[in-house]
Amino acid sequence: MTIAYKRNEDKIIKGIQAYVDATYTQHYAGASGRDVVDDWEDCGIAKEAFQSNIIKYAKRFGKKDGDNPKDVMKIIHYCIFLLNQLEIQAAKDQEMIMDINTEGKIKAAMAQVGYEE
C-alpha cells in the first residue's frame, strides 16, 4: 500500500534519521563510545533528563536563532530517547511480573508436596 503523505512525513522522517545518524559523529560522542546519555542511564536519571531536555528545547525554540529546525530535531531525538526508556522500563516491569509469578508457582508447588519455608 502506497501512502500519499499530505505533510511530507516521509521526507521529514528521513531527515530525522539523518539528524540522528549525524549525532553519532559529533564532538559529544566520545572516543570511548559513551556519551552523557550513558551517564544519565547509569545514574538512573535518564527519563527525567530526557523530559527536561524536551522542555528546554521547546522553550528555546523561536528565541535562539529564530525558528530553528535543529531545536525541533533535538526535541524529537529526546522524545525517541524517552520512548526507548519507556520500552526498557516496560520490559523490566514484565520481567519482574514474570519473576513474581514464577516465585509464586514455585512456592505453590513446594506447598503441594508439603515443603514449608
PDB file of N, CA and C in Angstrom:
ATOM      1  N   MET A   1       0.842  -1.187   0.000  1.00  0.00           N
ATOM      2  CA  MET A   1       0.000   0.000   0.000  1.00  0.00           C
ATOM      3  C   MET A   1       0.883   1.244   0.000  1.00  0.00           C
ATOM      4  N   THR A   2       0.635   2.110  -0.930  1.00  0.00           N
ATOM      5  CA  THR A   2       1.380   3.360  -1.018  1.00  0.00           C
ATOM      6  C   THR A   2       0.570   4.459  -0.333  1.00  0.00           C
ATOM      7  N   ILE A   3       1.234   5.160   0.530  1.00  0.00           N
ATOM      8  CA  ILE A   3       0.568   6.250   1.255  1.00  0.00           C
ATOM      9  C   ILE A   3       0.944   7.569   0.590  1.00  0.00           C
ATOM     10  N   ALA A   4      -0.042   8.390   0.338  1.00  0.00           N
ATOM     11  CA  ALA A   4       0.190   9.731  -0.197  1.00  0.00           C
ATOM     12  C   ALA A   4       0.247  10.690   0.994  1.00  0.00           C
ATOM     13  N   TYR A   5       1.467  10.930   1.475  1.00  0.00           N
ATOM     14  CA  TYR A   5       1.635  11.802   2.633  1.00  0.00           C
ATOM     15  C   TYR A   5       1.224  13.223   2.289  1.00  0.00           C
ATOM     16  N   LYS A   6       0.447  13.838   3.159  1.00  0.00           N
ATOM     17  CA  LYS A   6      -0.052  15.189   2.924  1.00  0.00           C
ATOM     18  C   LYS A   6       0.896  16.252   3.461  1.00  0.00           C
ATOM     19  N   ARG A   7       1.718  15.878   4.427  1.00  0.00           N
ATOM     20  CA  ARG A   7       2.542  16.878   5.097  1.00  0.00           C
ATOM     21  C   ARG A   7       4.025  16.516   5.117  1.00  0.00           C
ATOM     22  N   ASN A   8       4.467  15.849   4.066  1.00  0.00           N
ATOM     23  CA  ASN A   8       5.881  15.499   3.899  1.00  0.00           C
ATOM     24  C   ASN A   8       6.445  14.613   5.010  1.00  0.00           C
ATOM     25  N   GLU A   9       5.578  13.820   5.650  1.00  0.00           N
ATOM     26  CA  GLU A   9       6.048  12.988   6.760  1.00  0.00           C
ATOM     27  C   GLU A   9       7.201  12.083   6.344  1.00  0.00           C
ATOM     28  N   ASP A  10       7.120  11.497   5.153  1.00  0.00           N
ATOM     29  CA  ASP A  10       8.179  10.589   4.707  1.00  0.00           C
ATOM     30  C   ASP A  10       9.516  11.306   4.596  1.00  0.00           C
ATOM     31  N   LYS A  11       9.517  12.510   4.061  1.00  0.00           N
ATOM     32  CA  LYS A  11      10.750  13.292   3.926  1.00  0.00           C
ATOM     33  C   LYS A  11      11.251  13.746   5.292  1.00  0.00           C
ATOM     34  N   ILE A  12      10.344  14.141   6.145  1.00  0.00           N
ATOM     35  CA  ILE A  12      10.733  14.603   7.480  1.00  0.00           C
ATOM     36  C   ILE A  12      11.330  13.449   8.285  1.00  0.00           C
ATOM     37  N   ILE A  13      10.737  12.264   8.196  1.00  0.00           N
ATOM     38  CA  ILE A  13      11.272  11.099   8.908  1.00  0.00           C
ATOM     39  C   ILE A  13      12.676  10.771   8.408  1.00  0.00           C
ATOM     40  N   LYS A  14      12.897  10.863   7.120  1.00  0.00           N
ATOM     41  CA  LYS A  14      14.247  10.652   6.580  1.00  0.00           C
ATOM     42  C   LYS A  14      15.206  11.705   7.124  1.00  0.00           C
ATOM     43  N   GLY A  15      14.729  12.936   7.247  1.00  0.00           N
ATOM     44  CA  GLY A  15      15.554  14.000   7.814  1.00  0.00           C
ATOM     45  C   GLY A  15      15.887  13.741   9.275  1.00  0.00           C
ATOM     46  N   ILE A  16      14.924  13.210  10.017  1.00  0.00           N
ATOM     47  CA  ILE A  16      15.169  12.860  11.419  1.00  0.00           C
ATOM     48  C   ILE A  16      16.233  11.775  11.494  1.00  0.00           C
ATOM     49  N   GLN A  17      16.119  10.764  10.640  1.00  0.00           N
ATOM     50  CA  GLN A  17      17.122   9.685  10.601  1.00  0.00           C
ATOM     51  C   GLN A  17      18.503  10.260  10.321  1.00  0.00           C
ATOM     52  N   ALA A  18      18.604  11.161   9.349  1.00  0.00           N
ATOM     53  CA  ALA A  18      19.892  11.771   9.007  1.00  0.00           C
ATOM     54  C   ALA A  18      20.428  12.580  10.182  1.00  0.00           C
ATOM     55  N   TYR A  19      19.551  13.315  10.865  1.00  0.00           N
ATOM     56  CA  TYR A  19      19.976  14.101  12.027  1.00  0.00           C
ATOM     57  C   TYR A  19      20.522  13.180  13.122  1.00  0.00           C
ATOM     58  N   VAL A  20      19.764  12.130  13.445  1.00  0.00           N
ATOM     59  CA  VAL A  20      20.183  11.194  14.494  1.00  0.00           C
ATOM     60  C   VAL A  20      21.513  10.548  14.107  1.00  0.00           C
ATOM     61  N   ASP A  21      21.639  10.109  12.864  1.00  0.00           N
ATOM     62  CA  ASP A  21      22.886   9.498  12.408  1.00  0.00           C
ATOM     63  C   ASP A  21      24.058  10.461  12.605  1.00  0.00           C
ATOM     64  N   ALA A  22      23.853  11.730  12.292  1.00  0.00           N
ATOM     65  CA  ALA A  22      24.932  12.719  12.406  1.00  0.00           C
ATOM     66  C   ALA A  22      25.360  12.933  13.855  1.00  0.00           C
ATOM     67  N   THR A  23      24.452  12.729  14.806  1.00  0.00           N
ATOM     68  CA  THR A  23      24.823  12.954  16.210  1.00  0.00           C
ATOM     69  C   THR A  23      25.847  11.937  16.693  1.00  0.00           C
ATOM     70  N   TYR A  24      25.945  10.808  16.017  1.00  0.00           N
ATOM     71  CA  TYR A  24      26.910   9.787  16.429  1.00  0.00           C
ATOM     72  C   TYR A  24      28.334  10.123  16.013  1.00  0.00           C
ATOM     73  N   THR A  25      28.506  11.159  15.220  1.00  0.00           N
ATOM     74  CA  THR A  25      29.854  11.579  14.815  1.00  0.00           C
ATOM     75  C   THR A  25      30.217  12.947  15.370  1.00  0.00           C
ATOM     76  N   GLN A  26      29.349  13.520  16.171  1.00  0.00           N
ATOM     77  CA  GLN A  26      29.616  14.852  16.699  1.00  0.00           C
ATOM     78  C   GLN A  26      30.537  14.790  17.913  1.00  0.00           C
ATOM     79  N   HIS A  27      31.001  15.937  18.324  1.00  0.00           N
ATOM     80  CA  HIS A  27      32.024  16.030  19.364  1.00  0.00           C
ATOM     81  C   HIS A  27      31.630  15.407  20.699  1.00  0.00           C
ATOM     82  N   TYR A  28      30.352  15.411  21.066  1.00  0.00           N
ATOM     83  CA  TYR A  28      29.985  14.900  22.383  1.00  0.00           C
ATOM     84  C   TYR A  28      29.855  13.390  22.437  1.00  0.00           C
ATOM     85  N   ALA A  29      30.026  12.715  21.326  1.00  0.00           N
ATOM     86  CA  ALA A  29      30.103  11.256  21.340  1.00  0.00           C
ATOM     87  C   ALA A  29      31.583  10.910  21.446  1.00  0.00           C
ATOM     88  N   GLY A  30      32.041  10.604  22.646  1.00  0.00           N
ATOM     89  CA  GLY A  30      33.457  10.427  22.913  1.00  0.00           C
ATOM     90  C   GLY A  30      34.073   9.205  22.243  1.00  0.00           C
ATOM     91  N   ALA A  31      35.393   9.155  22.267  1.00  0.00           N
ATOM     92  CA  ALA A  31      36.143   8.054  21.665  1.00  0.00           C
ATOM     93  C   ALA A  31      35.821   6.727  22.344  1.00  0.00           C
ATOM     94  N   SER A  32      35.405   6.788  23.599  1.00  0.00           N
ATOM     95  CA  SER A  32      35.084   5.568  24.344  1.00  0.00           C
ATOM     96  C   SER A  32      33.757   4.967  23.900  1.00  0.00           C
ATOM     97  N   GLY A  33      33.005   5.725  23.097  1.00  0.00           N
ATOM     98  CA  GLY A  33      31.684   5.259  22.670  1.00  0.00           C
ATOM     99  C   GLY A  33      30.592   5.636  23.658  1.00  0.00           C
ATOM    100  N   ARG A  34      30.976   6.264  24.767  1.00  0.00           N
ATOM    101  CA  ARG A  34      29.999   6.686  25.778  1.00  0.00           C
ATOM    102  C   ARG A  34      29.665   8.156  25.567  1.00  0.00           C
ATOM    103  N   ASP A  35      28.439   8.513  25.908  1.00  0.00           N
ATOM    104  CA  ASP A  35      28.041   9.911  25.872  1.00  0.00           C
ATOM    105  C   ASP A  35      27.308  10.240  27.172  1.00  0.00           C
ATOM    106  N   VAL A  36      26.840  11.453  27.281  1.00  0.00           N
ATOM    107  CA  VAL A  36      26.195  11.880  28.516  1.00  0.00           C
ATOM    108  C   VAL A  36      24.930  11.069  28.800  1.00  0.00           C
ATOM    109  N   VAL A  37      24.256  10.592  27.772  1.00  0.00           N
ATOM    110  CA  VAL A  37      23.057   9.773  27.975  1.00  0.00           C
ATOM    111  C   VAL A  37      23.413   8.485  28.712  1.00  0.00           C
ATOM    112  N   ASP A  38      24.573   7.905  28.393  1.00  0.00           N
ATOM    113  CA  ASP A  38      25.027   6.719  29.127  1.00  0.00           C
ATOM    114  C   ASP A  38      25.191   7.039  30.608  1.00  0.00           C
ATOM    115  N   ASP A  39      25.729   8.219  30.901  1.00  0.00           N
ATOM    116  CA  ASP A  39      25.908   8.632  32.294  1.00  0.00           C
ATOM    117  C   ASP A  39      24.559   8.824  32.989  1.00  0.00           C
ATOM    118  N   TRP A  40      23.601   9.430  32.290  1.00  0.00           N
ATOM    119  CA  TRP A  40      22.261   9.607  32.876  1.00  0.00           C
ATOM    120  C   TRP A  40      21.633   8.255  33.179  1.00  0.00           C
ATOM    121  N   GLU A  41      21.805   7.307  32.242  1.00  0.00           N
ATOM    122  CA  GLU A  41      21.264   5.964  32.458  1.00  0.00           C
ATOM    123  C   GLU A  41      21.927   5.305  33.655  1.00  0.00           C
ATOM    124  N   ASP A  42      23.257   5.450  33.762  1.00  0.00           N
ATOM    125  CA  ASP A  42      23.990   4.869  34.890  1.00  0.00           C
ATOM    126  C   ASP A  42      23.520   5.443  36.226  1.00  0.00           C
ATOM    127  N   CYS A  43      23.174   6.722  36.224  1.00  0.00           N
ATOM    128  CA  CYS A  43      22.728   7.396  37.453  1.00  0.00           C
ATOM    129  C   CYS A  43      21.247   7.169  37.740  1.00  0.00           C
ATOM    130  N   GLY A  44      20.523   6.584  36.787  1.00  0.00           N
ATOM    131  CA  GLY A  44      19.098   6.355  36.976  1.00  0.00           C
ATOM    132  C   GLY A  44      18.235   7.591  36.774  1.00  0.00           C
ATOM    133  N   ILE A  45      18.761   8.569  36.038  1.00  0.00           N
ATOM    134  CA  ILE A  45      18.011   9.817  35.835  1.00  0.00           C
ATOM    135  C   ILE A  45      17.703  10.082  34.365  1.00  0.00           C
ATOM    136  N   ALA A  46      17.819   9.058  33.534  1.00  0.00           N
ATOM    137  CA  ALA A  46      17.658   9.259  32.085  1.00  0.00           C
ATOM    138  C   ALA A  46      16.279   9.805  31.739  1.00  0.00           C
ATOM    139  N   LYS A  47      15.227   9.178  32.263  1.00  0.00           N
ATOM    140  CA  LYS A  47      13.866   9.605  31.912  1.00  0.00           C
ATOM    141  C   LYS A  47      13.666  11.090  32.233  1.00  0.00           C
ATOM    142  N   GLU A  48      14.091  11.482  33.413  1.00  0.00           N
ATOM    143  CA  GLU A  48      13.932  12.882  33.826  1.00  0.00           C
ATOM    144  C   GLU A  48      14.793  13.815  32.976  1.00  0.00           C
ATOM    145  N   ALA A  49      15.999  13.373  32.627  1.00  0.00           N
ATOM    146  CA  ALA A  49      16.877  14.193  31.797  1.00  0.00           C
ATOM    147  C   ALA A  49      16.280  14.377  30.403  1.00  0.00           C
ATOM    148  N   PHE A  50      15.694  13.315  29.859  1.00  0.00           N
ATOM    149  CA  PHE A  50      15.073  13.431  28.541  1.00  0.00           C
ATOM    150  C   PHE A  50      13.911  14.414  28.590  1.00  0.00           C
ATOM    151  N   GLN A  51      13.061  14.293  29.610  1.00  0.00           N
ATOM    152  CA  GLN A  51      11.924  15.207  29.743  1.00  0.00           C
ATOM    153  C   GLN A  51      12.412  16.647  29.884  1.00  0.00           C
ATOM    154  N   SER A  52      13.439  16.837  30.678  1.00  0.00           N
ATOM    155  CA  SER A  52      13.994  18.166  30.890  1.00  0.00           C
ATOM    156  C   SER A  52      14.509  18.775  29.591  1.00  0.00           C
ATOM    157  N   ASN A  53      15.210  17.976  28.803  1.00  0.00           N
ATOM    158  CA  ASN A  53      15.742  18.488  27.541  1.00  0.00           C
ATOM    159  C   ASN A  53      14.643  18.747  26.517  1.00  0.00           C
ATOM    160  N   ILE A  54      13.593  17.947  26.526  1.00  0.00           N
ATOM    161  CA  ILE A  54      12.450  18.213  25.648  1.00  0.00           C
ATOM    162  C   ILE A  54      11.870  19.587  25.975  1.00  0.00           C
ATOM    163  N   ILE A  55      11.676  19.851  27.264  1.00  0.00           N
ATOM    164  CA  ILE A  55      11.140  21.147  27.703  1.00  0.00           C
ATOM    165  C   ILE A  55      12.110  22.272  27.343  1.00  0.00           C
ATOM    166  N   LYS A  56      13.399  22.047  27.598  1.00  0.00           N
ATOM    167  CA  LYS A  56      14.424  23.066  27.321  1.00  0.00           C
ATOM    168  C   LYS A  56      14.377  23.513  25.860  1.00  0.00           C
ATOM    169  N   TYR A  57      14.402  22.538  24.943  1.00  0.00           N
ATOM    170  CA  TYR A  57      14.439  22.903  23.526  1.00  0.00           C
ATOM    171  C   TYR A  57      13.096  23.430  23.034  1.00  0.00           C
ATOM    172  N   ALA A  58      12.016  22.990  23.623  1.00  0.00           N
ATOM    173  CA  ALA A  58      10.704  23.535  23.262  1.00  0.00           C
ATOM    174  C   ALA A  58      10.599  25.000  23.691  1.00  0.00           C
ATOM    175  N   LYS A  59      11.106  25.310  24.869  1.00  0.00           N
ATOM    176  CA  LYS A  59      11.064  26.700  25.344  1.00  0.00           C
ATOM    177  C   LYS A  59      12.034  27.582  24.570  1.00  0.00           C
ATOM    178  N   ARG A  60      13.141  27.019  24.141  1.00  0.00           N
ATOM    179  CA  ARG A  60      14.155  27.786  23.421  1.00  0.00           C
ATOM    180  C   ARG A  60      13.748  28.058  21.974  1.00  0.00           C
ATOM    181  N   PHE A  61      12.896  27.176  21.407  1.00  0.00           N
ATOM    182  CA  PHE A  61      12.510  27.314  20.009  1.00  0.00           C
ATOM    183  C   PHE A  61      11.940  28.699  19.744  1.00  0.00           C
ATOM    184  N   GLY A  62      12.459  29.334  18.704  1.00  0.00           N
ATOM    185  CA  GLY A  62      11.991  30.658  18.310  1.00  0.00           C
ATOM    186  C   GLY A  62      12.736  31.796  18.990  1.00  0.00           C
ATOM    187  N   LYS A  63      13.492  31.469  20.037  1.00  0.00           N
ATOM    188  CA  LYS A  63      14.223  32.515  20.764  1.00  0.00           C
ATOM    189  C   LYS A  63      15.690  32.556  20.367  1.00  0.00           C
ATOM    190  N   LYS A  64      16.326  31.387  20.305  1.00  0.00           N
ATOM    191  CA  LYS A  64      17.730  31.321  19.921  1.00  0.00           C
ATOM    192  C   LYS A  64      17.784  30.924  18.454  1.00  0.00           C
ATOM    193  N   ASP A  65      18.324  31.765  17.631  1.00  0.00           N
ATOM    194  CA  ASP A  65      18.427  31.518  16.188  1.00  0.00           C
ATOM    195  C   ASP A  65      17.058  31.435  15.513  1.00  0.00           C
ATOM    196  N   GLY A  66      16.051  32.078  16.052  1.00  0.00           N
ATOM    197  CA  GLY A  66      14.732  32.107  15.425  1.00  0.00           C
ATOM    198  C   GLY A  66      14.068  30.741  15.399  1.00  0.00           C
ATOM    199  N   ASP A  67      13.227  30.526  14.416  1.00  0.00           N
ATOM    200  CA  ASP A  67      12.533  29.238  14.280  1.00  0.00           C
ATOM    201  C   ASP A  67      13.507  28.210  13.711  1.00  0.00           C
ATOM    202  N   ASN A  68      14.349  27.718  14.598  1.00  0.00           N
ATOM    203  CA  ASN A  68      15.446  26.852  14.213  1.00  0.00           C
ATOM    204  C   ASN A  68      14.989  25.392  14.145  1.00  0.00           C
ATOM    205  N   PRO A  69      14.952  24.796  12.965  1.00  0.00           N
ATOM    206  CA  PRO A  69      14.536  23.396  12.849  1.00  0.00           C
ATOM    207  C   PRO A  69      15.408  22.440  13.668  1.00  0.00           C
ATOM    208  N   LYS A  70      16.659  22.824  13.919  1.00  0.00           N
ATOM    209  CA  LYS A  70      17.548  21.952  14.695  1.00  0.00           C
ATOM    210  C   LYS A  70      17.011  21.762  16.115  1.00  0.00           C
ATOM    211  N   ASP A  71      16.389  22.793  16.691  1.00  0.00           N
ATOM    212  CA  ASP A  71      15.791  22.643  18.016  1.00  0.00           C
ATOM    213  C   ASP A  71      14.653  21.624  17.975  1.00  0.00           C
ATOM    214  N   VAL A  72      13.876  21.634  16.915  1.00  0.00           N
ATOM    215  CA  VAL A  72      12.786  20.662  16.770  1.00  0.00           C
ATOM    216  C   VAL A  72      13.375  19.259  16.632  1.00  0.00           C
ATOM    217  N   MET A  73      14.460  19.131  15.883  1.00  0.00           N
ATOM    218  CA  MET A  73      15.124  17.831  15.752  1.00  0.00           C
ATOM    219  C   MET A  73      15.608  17.338  17.113  1.00  0.00           C
ATOM    220  N   LYS A  74      16.139  18.236  17.921  1.00  0.00           N
ATOM    221  CA  LYS A  74      16.601  17.848  19.260  1.00  0.00           C
ATOM    222  C   LYS A  74      15.429  17.376  20.116  1.00  0.00           C
ATOM    223  N   ILE A  75      14.304  18.066  20.018  1.00  0.00           N
ATOM    224  CA  ILE A  75      13.109  17.648  20.764  1.00  0.00           C
ATOM    225  C   ILE A  75      12.713  16.232  20.336  1.00  0.00           C
ATOM    226  N   ILE A  76      12.669  16.012  19.036  1.00  0.00           N
ATOM    227  CA  ILE A  76      12.285  14.693  18.520  1.00  0.00           C
ATOM    228  C   ILE A  76      13.278  13.630  18.978  1.00  0.00           C
ATOM    229  N   HIS A  77      14.569  13.956  18.928  1.00  0.00           N
ATOM    230  CA  HIS A  77      15.589  12.987  19.325  1.00  0.00           C
ATOM    231  C   HIS A  77      15.432  12.624  20.808  1.00  0.00           C
ATOM    232  N   TYR A  78      15.201  13.626  21.657  1.00  0.00           N
ATOM    233  CA  TYR A  78      14.985  13.329  23.079  1.00  0.00           C
ATOM    234  C   TYR A  78      13.673  12.571  23.291  1.00  0.00           C
ATOM    235  N   CYS A  79      12.674  12.812  22.454  1.00  0.00           N
ATOM    236  CA  CYS A  79      11.432  12.027  22.526  1.00  0.00           C
ATOM    237  C   CYS A  79      11.706  10.569  22.169  1.00  0.00           C
ATOM    238  N   ILE A  80      12.572  10.346  21.188  1.00  0.00           N
ATOM    239  CA  ILE A  80      12.953   8.976  20.823  1.00  0.00           C
ATOM    240  C   ILE A  80      13.669   8.312  21.998  1.00  0.00           C
ATOM    241  N   PHE A  81      14.602   9.041  22.618  1.00  0.00           N
ATOM    242  CA  PHE A  81      15.281   8.508  23.801  1.00  0.00           C
ATOM    243  C   PHE A  81      14.266   8.155  24.888  1.00  0.00           C
ATOM    244  N   LEU A  82      13.288   9.039  25.099  1.00  0.00           N
ATOM    245  CA  LEU A  82      12.280   8.810  26.132  1.00  0.00           C
ATOM    246  C   LEU A  82      11.432   7.584  25.799  1.00  0.00           C
ATOM    247  N   LEU A  83      11.032   7.449  24.545  1.00  0.00           N
ATOM    248  CA  LEU A  83      10.268   6.261  24.139  1.00  0.00           C
ATOM    249  C   LEU A  83      11.078   4.984  24.383  1.00  0.00           C
ATOM    250  N   ASN A  84      12.364   5.033  24.071  1.00  0.00           N
ATOM    251  CA  ASN A  84      13.229   3.880  24.316  1.00  0.00           C
ATOM    252  C   ASN A  84      13.303   3.571  25.809  1.00  0.00           C
ATOM    253  N   GLN A  85      13.421   4.610  26.621  1.00  0.00           N
ATOM    254  CA  GLN A  85      13.494   4.417  28.070  1.00  0.00           C
ATOM    255  C   GLN A  85      12.205   3.785  28.589  1.00  0.00           C
ATOM    256  N   LEU A  86      11.071   4.211  28.056  1.00  0.00           N
ATOM    257  CA  LEU A  86       9.793   3.628  28.461  1.00  0.00           C
ATOM    258  C   LEU A  86       9.713   2.155  28.068  1.00  0.00           C
ATOM    259  N   GLU A  87      10.236   1.815  26.890  1.00  0.00           N
ATOM    260  CA  GLU A  87      10.255   0.414  26.466  1.00  0.00           C
ATOM    261  C   GLU A  87      11.150  -0.423  27.369  1.00  0.00           C
ATOM    262  N   ILE A  88      12.301   0.128  27.735  1.00  0.00           N
ATOM    263  CA  ILE A  88      13.208  -0.574  28.651  1.00  0.00           C
ATOM    264  C   ILE A  88      12.518  -0.818  29.982  1.00  0.00           C
ATOM    265  N   GLN A  89      11.851   0.219  30.511  1.00  0.00           N
ATOM    266  CA  GLN A  89      11.159   0.074  31.791  1.00  0.00           C
ATOM    267  C   GLN A  89      10.025  -0.933  31.702  1.00  0.00           C
ATOM    268  N   ALA A  90       9.286  -0.916  30.610  1.00  0.00           N
ATOM    269  CA  ALA A  90       8.190  -1.879  30.435  1.00  0.00           C
ATOM    270  C   ALA A  90       8.734  -3.304  30.409  1.00  0.00           C
ATOM    271  N   ALA A  91       9.881  -3.504  29.754  1.00  0.00           N
ATOM    272  CA  ALA A  91      10.494  -4.837  29.714  1.00  0.00           C
ATOM    273  C   ALA A  91      10.936  -5.261  31.110  1.00  0.00           C
ATOM    274  N   LYS A  92      11.512  -4.334  31.869  1.00  0.00           N
ATOM    275  CA  LYS A  92      11.922  -4.655  33.246  1.00  0.00           C
ATOM    276  C   LYS A  92      10.711  -4.987  34.104  1.00  0.00           C
ATOM    277  N   ASP A  93       9.645  -4.208  33.938  1.00  0.00           N
ATOM    278  CA  ASP A  93       8.416  -4.470  34.697  1.00  0.00           C
ATOM    279  C   ASP A  93       7.865  -5.852  34.348  1.00  0.00           C
ATOM    280  N   GLN A  94       7.896  -6.207  33.074  1.00  0.00           N
ATOM    281  CA  GLN A  94       7.411  -7.520  32.638  1.00  0.00           C
ATOM    282  C   GLN A  94       8.265  -8.632  33.237  1.00  0.00           C
ATOM    283  N   GLU A  95       9.582  -8.419  33.253  1.00  0.00           N
ATOM    284  CA  GLU A  95      10.477  -9.413  33.856  1.00  0.00           C
ATOM    285  C   GLU A  95      10.152  -9.585  35.336  1.00  0.00           C
ATOM    286  N   MET A  96       9.869  -8.461  36.028  1.00  0.00           N
ATOM    287  CA  MET A  96       9.551  -8.520  37.447  1.00  0.00           C
ATOM    288  C   MET A  96       8.253  -9.300  37.653  1.00  0.00           C
ATOM    289  N   ILE A  97       7.270  -9.051  36.809  1.00  0.00           N
ATOM    290  CA  ILE A  97       5.995  -9.781  36.908  1.00  0.00           C
ATOM    291  C   ILE A  97       6.240 -11.266  36.688  1.00  0.00           C
ATOM    292  N   MET A  98       7.070 -11.571  35.694  1.00  0.00           N
ATOM    293  CA  MET A  98       7.364 -12.978  35.419  1.00  0.00           C
ATOM    294  C   MET A  98       8.081 -13.612  36.604  1.00  0.00           C
ATOM    295  N   ASP A  99       9.024 -12.870  37.217  1.00  0.00           N
ATOM    296  CA  ASP A  99       9.742 -13.393  38.374  1.00  0.00           C
ATOM    297  C   ASP A  99       8.789 -13.638  39.537  1.00  0.00           C
ATOM    298  N   ILE A 100       7.872 -12.701  39.771  1.00  0.00           N
ATOM    299  CA  ILE A 100       6.901 -12.840  40.860  1.00  0.00           C
ATOM    300  C   ILE A 100       6.006 -14.046  40.600  1.00  0.00           C
ATOM    301  N   ASN A 101       5.524 -14.167  39.357  1.00  0.00           N
ATOM    302  CA  ASN A 101       4.673 -15.305  39.009  1.00  0.00           C
ATOM    303  C   ASN A 101       5.420 -16.626  39.163  1.00  0.00           C
ATOM    304  N   THR A 102       6.668 -16.655  38.718  1.00  0.00           N
ATOM    305  CA  THR A 102       7.472 -17.869  38.829  1.00  0.00           C
ATOM    306  C   THR A 102       7.700 -18.217  40.290  1.00  0.00           C
ATOM    307  N   GLU A 103       8.042 -17.201  41.087  1.00  0.00           N
ATOM    308  CA  GLU A 103       8.269 -17.431  42.516  1.00  0.00           C
ATOM    309  C   GLU A 103       7.005 -17.968  43.179  1.00  0.00           C
ATOM    310  N   GLY A 104       5.865 -17.405  42.820  1.00  0.00           N
ATOM    311  CA  GLY A 104       4.590 -17.870  43.385  1.00  0.00           C
ATOM    312  C   GLY A 104       4.289 -19.299  42.982  1.00  0.00           C
ATOM    313  N   LYS A 105       4.576 -19.647  41.729  1.00  0.00           N
ATOM    314  CA  LYS A 105       4.339 -21.008  41.255  1.00  0.00           C
ATOM    315  C   LYS A 105       5.259 -21.994  41.971  1.00  0.00           C
ATOM    316  N   ILE A 106       6.506 -21.594  42.180  1.00  0.00           N
ATOM    317  CA  ILE A 106       7.448 -22.465  42.880  1.00  0.00           C
ATOM    318  C   ILE A 106       6.977 -22.706  44.315  1.00  0.00           C
ATOM    319  N   LYS A 107       6.557 -21.633  44.985  1.00  0.00           N
ATOM    320  CA  LYS A 107       6.073 -21.768  46.365  1.00  0.00           C
ATOM    321  C   LYS A 107       4.829 -22.641  46.420  1.00  0.00           C
ATOM    322  N   ALA A 108       3.936 -22.463  45.440  1.00  0.00           N
ATOM    323  CA  ALA A 108       2.715 -23.272  45.408  1.00  0.00           C
ATOM    324  C   ALA A 108       3.052 -24.743  45.191  1.00  0.00           C
ATOM    325  N   ALA A 109       3.995 -25.002  44.278  1.00  0.00           N
ATOM    326  CA  ALA A 109       4.378 -26.386  44.014  1.00  0.00           C
ATOM    327  C   ALA A 109       5.052 -27.003  45.234  1.00  0.00           C
ATOM    328  N   MET A 110       5.869 -26.215  45.922  1.00  0.00           N
ATOM    329  CA  MET A 110       6.538 -26.713  47.115  1.00  0.00           C
ATOM    330  C   MET A 110       5.517 -27.014  48.212  1.00  0.00           C
ATOM    331  N   ALA A 111       4.512 -26.152  48.322  1.00  0.00           N
ATOM    332  CA  ALA A 111       3.486 -26.357  49.343  1.00  0.00           C
ATOM    333  C   ALA A 111       2.689 -27.632  49.050  1.00  0.00           C
ATOM    334  N   GLN A 112       2.464 -27.899  47.761  1.00  0.00           N
ATOM    335  CA  GLN A 112       1.709 -29.094  47.387  1.00  0.00           C
ATOM    336  C   GLN A 112       2.420 -30.383  47.811  1.00  0.00           C
ATOM    337  N   VAL A 113       3.743 -30.343  47.819  1.00  0.00           N
ATOM    338  CA  VAL A 113       4.494 -31.559  48.214  1.00  0.00           C
ATOM    339  C   VAL A 113       4.857 -31.520  49.696  1.00  0.00           C
ATOM    340  N   GLY A 114       4.327 -30.524  50.415  1.00  0.00           N
ATOM    341  CA  GLY A 114       4.499 -30.484  51.860  1.00  0.00           C
ATOM    342  C   GLY A 114       5.740 -29.751  52.333  1.00  0.00           C
ATOM    343  N   TYR A 115       6.448 -29.056  51.437  1.00  0.00           N
ATOM    344  CA  TYR A 115       7.632 -28.317  51.845  1.00  0.00           C
ATOM    345  C   TYR A 115       7.215 -26.942  52.346  1.00  0.00           C
ATOM    346  N   GLU A 116       7.731 -26.570  53.496  1.00  0.00           N
ATOM    347  CA  GLU A 116       7.452 -25.243  54.047  1.00  0.00           C
ATOM    348  C   GLU A 116       8.776 -24.539  54.287  1.00  0.00           C
ATOM    349  N   GLU A 117       8.753 -23.239  54.139  1.00  0.00           N
ATOM    350  CA  GLU A 117       9.976 -22.453  54.350  1.00  0.00           C
ATOM    351  C   GLU A 117      10.246 -22.291  55.820  1.00  0.00           C
TER     352      GLU A 117
END
